[in-house]
N, C-alpha and C. Protein backbone atom coordinates (compact mmCIF):
# COMPACT_ATOMS: atom_id res chain seq x y z
N MET A 1 7.38 -12.47 25.93
CA MET A 1 7.17 -12.02 26.77
C MET A 1 8.98 -11.47 27.03
N GLU A 2 8.88 -10.27 27.64
CA GLU A 2 9.31 -9.15 27.77
C GLU A 2 9.70 -9.46 28.84
N PHE A 3 8.87 -9.29 29.75
CA PHE A 3 8.61 -9.09 31.32
C PHE A 3 7.91 -10.06 32.54
N GLU A 4 8.08 -10.41 33.77
CA GLU A 4 6.97 -11.16 34.25
C GLU A 4 7.60 -10.91 35.42
N ASN A 5 6.71 -10.60 36.47
CA ASN A 5 6.27 -10.60 38.48
C ASN A 5 4.73 -10.98 38.65
N ASP A 6 4.89 -10.96 39.52
CA ASP A 6 3.58 -10.65 40.32
C ASP A 6 2.88 -9.92 40.00
N GLN A 7 3.31 -8.84 39.72
CA GLN A 7 2.26 -7.80 39.40
C GLN A 7 2.14 -7.04 38.40
N VAL A 8 2.50 -8.04 37.19
CA VAL A 8 2.94 -7.09 35.43
C VAL A 8 2.78 -8.53 34.84
N ARG A 9 2.60 -8.35 33.63
CA ARG A 9 3.22 -9.27 32.57
C ARG A 9 3.28 -8.81 31.06
N ILE A 10 4.45 -8.31 30.65
CA ILE A 10 4.45 -7.53 29.42
C ILE A 10 4.89 -8.37 28.97
N ILE A 11 4.67 -8.58 27.14
CA ILE A 11 4.88 -9.07 26.01
C ILE A 11 4.84 -8.46 24.70
N ARG A 12 5.68 -8.68 24.09
CA ARG A 12 5.85 -8.00 22.72
C ARG A 12 4.97 -8.96 21.55
N VAL A 13 4.15 -8.32 20.89
CA VAL A 13 3.27 -9.10 19.77
C VAL A 13 3.38 -8.21 18.78
N MET A 14 3.78 -9.95 17.79
CA MET A 14 4.18 -9.19 16.20
C MET A 14 3.04 -10.60 15.38
N VAL A 15 2.52 -9.46 14.50
CA VAL A 15 1.57 -10.43 14.09
C VAL A 15 1.52 -9.93 12.20
N GLY A 16 1.96 -10.95 11.06
CA GLY A 16 1.47 -10.54 10.85
C GLY A 16 0.56 -10.62 9.38
N LYS A 17 0.30 -9.80 8.49
CA LYS A 17 -0.47 -9.25 7.52
C LYS A 17 -1.75 -11.05 7.69
N GLY A 18 -2.76 -11.33 7.23
CA GLY A 18 -3.34 -11.75 7.72
C GLY A 18 -3.42 -12.82 8.13
N GLU A 19 -2.83 -13.02 9.52
CA GLU A 19 -2.18 -13.95 10.62
C GLU A 19 -3.88 -13.04 11.87
N SER A 20 -3.99 -14.23 12.54
CA SER A 20 -4.50 -14.08 13.57
C SER A 20 -3.95 -15.01 15.21
N ALA A 21 -5.28 -14.60 15.67
CA ALA A 21 -5.04 -15.04 17.21
C ALA A 21 -6.30 -15.37 17.57
N PRO A 22 -6.07 -16.77 18.25
CA PRO A 22 -7.68 -17.41 18.24
C PRO A 22 -8.18 -16.92 19.95
N MET A 23 -9.82 -17.06 19.96
CA MET A 23 -10.26 -16.72 21.20
C MET A 23 -9.19 -16.80 22.54
N HIS A 24 -8.51 -15.73 23.01
CA HIS A 24 -7.86 -15.76 24.57
C HIS A 24 -8.45 -14.74 25.14
N GLU A 25 -7.84 -14.79 26.82
CA GLU A 25 -8.05 -13.92 27.79
C GLU A 25 -6.85 -12.43 27.96
N HIS A 26 -7.66 -11.52 28.38
CA HIS A 26 -7.06 -10.79 28.96
C HIS A 26 -6.72 -9.86 30.41
N PRO A 27 -5.95 -9.93 31.70
CA PRO A 27 -5.97 -9.12 32.93
C PRO A 27 -6.88 -7.52 32.23
N ALA A 28 -7.27 -6.63 32.72
CA ALA A 28 -6.65 -5.66 33.32
C ALA A 28 -5.70 -4.93 32.47
N GLY A 29 -5.38 -3.78 31.51
CA GLY A 29 -3.89 -3.87 31.20
C GLY A 29 -3.86 -2.39 29.92
N VAL A 30 -2.54 -2.51 29.67
CA VAL A 30 -2.17 -0.95 28.77
C VAL A 30 -1.94 -1.52 27.35
N GLN A 31 -1.93 -1.47 25.86
CA GLN A 31 -1.21 -1.33 24.72
C GLN A 31 -0.57 0.16 24.42
N ILE A 32 0.55 -0.63 23.74
CA ILE A 32 1.17 0.79 23.51
C ILE A 32 1.40 -0.79 21.71
N LEU A 33 1.04 0.41 20.11
CA LEU A 33 1.28 0.93 19.56
C LEU A 33 2.53 0.70 18.90
N LEU A 34 3.96 -0.16 18.38
CA LEU A 34 4.97 -0.18 17.62
C LEU A 34 5.10 0.19 16.77
N THR A 35 3.37 -0.36 15.90
CA THR A 35 3.17 0.16 13.88
C THR A 35 1.61 -0.07 13.95
N ASP A 36 0.95 0.92 13.72
CA ASP A 36 0.08 1.23 13.16
C ASP A 36 -0.59 -0.13 12.68
N LEU A 37 -2.00 -0.07 13.32
CA LEU A 37 -2.63 -1.59 13.46
C LEU A 37 -3.92 -1.27 12.73
N HIS A 38 -3.90 -2.91 11.84
CA HIS A 38 -6.23 -2.70 11.84
C HIS A 38 -6.51 -4.11 11.70
N VAL A 39 -7.20 -4.00 12.38
CA VAL A 39 -7.93 -5.66 12.91
C VAL A 39 -9.09 -5.69 12.87
N ARG A 40 -9.61 -6.92 12.78
CA ARG A 40 -11.33 -7.66 13.36
C ARG A 40 -10.89 -8.69 14.25
N VAL A 41 -11.30 -7.65 15.86
CA VAL A 41 -11.55 -8.19 16.91
C VAL A 41 -12.97 -9.03 16.37
N THR A 42 -13.50 -10.06 17.60
CA THR A 42 -14.18 -11.29 17.23
C THR A 42 -13.73 -11.88 18.61
N THR A 43 -15.42 -10.79 19.90
CA THR A 43 -15.95 -11.20 21.76
C THR A 43 -15.97 -13.10 21.98
N PRO A 44 -17.17 -13.54 22.75
CA PRO A 44 -17.06 -14.54 23.26
C PRO A 44 -18.17 -14.67 22.65
N ASP A 45 -18.76 -13.79 22.61
CA ASP A 45 -20.64 -13.19 21.98
C ASP A 45 -20.75 -13.72 20.32
N GLY A 46 -19.88 -14.02 19.21
CA GLY A 46 -19.31 -13.36 18.61
C GLY A 46 -19.47 -12.14 17.50
N LYS A 47 -19.64 -11.35 18.45
CA LYS A 47 -19.92 -9.74 17.61
C LYS A 47 -19.15 -9.48 17.71
N THR A 48 -18.45 -8.63 15.92
CA THR A 48 -17.49 -9.38 15.53
C THR A 48 -16.52 -7.20 14.53
N THR A 49 -16.37 -6.37 15.24
CA THR A 49 -15.85 -5.06 15.14
C THR A 49 -14.66 -4.34 14.45
N GLU A 50 -13.87 -3.64 13.28
CA GLU A 50 -12.87 -3.58 12.81
C GLU A 50 -12.38 -2.81 13.97
N THR A 51 -10.89 -2.84 14.10
CA THR A 51 -10.37 -1.41 14.95
C THR A 51 -8.66 -0.60 14.36
N SER A 52 -8.58 0.39 14.12
CA SER A 52 -7.51 0.28 13.55
C SER A 52 -6.77 1.55 14.41
N GLY A 53 -5.24 1.90 14.51
CA GLY A 53 -4.72 2.37 15.28
C GLY A 53 -3.03 2.94 15.34
N LYS A 54 -2.54 3.69 15.23
CA LYS A 54 -1.36 4.08 14.63
C LYS A 54 -0.49 4.32 16.31
N ALA A 55 0.73 4.22 14.92
CA ALA A 55 2.18 4.09 16.14
C ALA A 55 1.79 4.63 16.91
N GLY A 56 2.88 4.72 17.83
CA GLY A 56 1.93 5.00 19.33
C GLY A 56 0.96 5.60 20.31
N ASP A 57 0.08 5.47 19.33
CA ASP A 57 -0.68 4.96 20.61
C ASP A 57 -0.71 4.50 21.84
N ALA A 58 -1.89 4.45 22.82
CA ALA A 58 -1.54 3.80 23.96
C ALA A 58 -3.37 3.76 24.57
N ASP A 59 -3.24 2.47 25.07
CA ASP A 59 -4.89 2.69 25.40
C ASP A 59 -4.97 1.86 26.75
N TYR A 60 -5.85 2.20 27.71
CA TYR A 60 -6.30 1.09 28.63
C TYR A 60 -7.33 0.20 28.05
N SER A 61 -7.58 -1.03 28.51
CA SER A 61 -8.70 -2.23 28.83
C SER A 61 -9.23 -2.56 29.51
N PRO A 62 -10.09 -2.72 29.77
CA PRO A 62 -10.66 -3.45 31.25
C PRO A 62 -10.47 -5.17 30.56
N PRO A 63 -10.42 -6.17 31.68
CA PRO A 63 -10.03 -6.78 31.28
C PRO A 63 -11.58 -7.85 30.29
N ARG A 64 -10.99 -8.57 29.21
CA ARG A 64 -11.94 -8.91 28.68
C ARG A 64 -10.89 -10.47 27.90
N ALA A 65 -11.26 -10.88 27.32
CA ALA A 65 -11.82 -12.16 25.39
C ALA A 65 -11.62 -11.79 24.23
N HIS A 66 -10.99 -11.72 23.26
CA HIS A 66 -10.84 -11.42 22.23
C HIS A 66 -10.16 -12.65 21.35
N ALA A 67 -10.67 -13.06 19.80
CA ALA A 67 -9.45 -13.55 19.17
C ALA A 67 -9.27 -12.38 17.96
N VAL A 68 -8.45 -12.24 17.06
CA VAL A 68 -7.87 -11.33 16.37
C VAL A 68 -7.75 -12.04 14.98
N GLU A 69 -7.77 -10.79 14.31
CA GLU A 69 -7.54 -11.49 13.03
C GLU A 69 -6.45 -10.36 12.40
N ASN A 70 -5.87 -10.07 11.61
CA ASN A 70 -5.62 -9.02 10.97
C ASN A 70 -5.13 -8.51 9.63
N ILE A 71 -6.30 -7.64 9.36
CA ILE A 71 -6.83 -7.51 8.34
C ILE A 71 -5.37 -6.12 7.69
N GLY A 72 -4.33 -6.18 8.02
CA GLY A 72 -3.44 -4.87 7.98
C GLY A 72 -2.38 -5.75 7.48
N GLU A 73 -1.39 -4.57 7.77
CA GLU A 73 -0.53 -5.16 7.26
C GLU A 73 0.49 -5.46 9.30
N ARG A 74 1.47 -6.32 8.38
CA ARG A 74 1.98 -6.17 9.78
C ARG A 74 1.88 -5.13 10.83
N PHE A 75 1.71 -5.61 11.83
CA PHE A 75 2.20 -4.95 12.92
C PHE A 75 3.05 -5.55 14.61
N GLU A 76 2.88 -4.57 15.23
CA GLU A 76 3.96 -5.18 16.31
C GLU A 76 3.14 -4.38 17.42
N GLU A 77 2.93 -4.37 18.78
CA GLU A 77 2.16 -3.94 19.73
C GLU A 77 3.03 -4.58 21.17
N ILE A 78 2.78 -3.47 22.56
CA ILE A 78 4.03 -4.11 23.56
C ILE A 78 1.94 -4.30 24.36
N ILE A 79 2.45 -4.79 24.96
CA ILE A 79 0.78 -5.36 26.32
C ILE A 79 1.63 -5.69 27.69
N VAL A 80 0.52 -4.28 28.16
CA VAL A 80 1.07 -4.49 29.86
C VAL A 80 -0.43 -5.08 30.24
N ASP A 81 -0.06 -6.54 30.69
CA ASP A 81 -1.00 -7.09 31.33
C ASP A 81 -1.06 -6.85 33.31
N LEU A 82 -1.89 -6.47 33.87
CA LEU A 82 -1.94 -6.09 35.01
C LEU A 82 -2.08 -7.25 35.57
N LYS A 83 -1.95 -7.42 36.59
CA LYS A 83 -2.12 -9.36 37.61
C LYS A 83 -2.86 -8.50 38.74
N ALA A 84 -2.12 -8.10 39.26
CA ALA A 84 -2.45 -7.65 40.59
C ALA A 84 -3.15 -6.01 40.67
N THR A 85 -3.49 -5.48 42.52
CA THR A 85 -2.78 -4.77 42.71
C THR A 85 -1.89 -4.18 43.11
N PRO A 86 -1.45 -2.84 42.83
CA PRO A 86 0.14 -3.40 43.53
C PRO A 86 0.04 -2.75 45.02
N SER A 87 0.77 -3.27 46.00
CA SER A 87 0.99 -2.28 47.32
C SER A 87 1.01 -1.04 47.31
N LYS A 88 0.71 -0.92 48.53
CA LYS A 88 1.00 0.62 48.67
C LYS A 88 2.20 1.46 48.47
N THR A 89 3.48 0.98 49.08
CA THR A 89 5.04 0.65 49.00
C THR A 89 5.44 -0.21 47.54
N ALA A 90 4.50 -0.53 46.51
CA ALA A 90 5.54 -1.05 45.78
C ALA A 90 6.72 0.14 44.33
N GLY A 91 7.48 -0.52 44.38
CA GLY A 91 8.19 -0.30 43.53
C GLY A 91 8.85 1.25 44.81
N ARG A 92 8.84 1.36 46.01
CA ARG A 92 9.49 2.77 46.49
C ARG A 92 10.25 2.12 47.36
């Protein structure tokens, strides 16, 4: 955990080659890859897909549940989970 408040949770994730994370959930948010990534993702319905990305890639994801298996080299990413809709005056 890098930072958390009532609006966001920022997590630094490091996953070694061959490691996996069991089924878990994320709210809507943004992922920023710090290294290249190649993973197998499994959704609750059992569907499996492979996903790859390059260091520096950033992407938005809607709320989701998944398990992840690292089928590439060690990777690192920053995940910014959005907890709530910010107020119109937040940050000002």
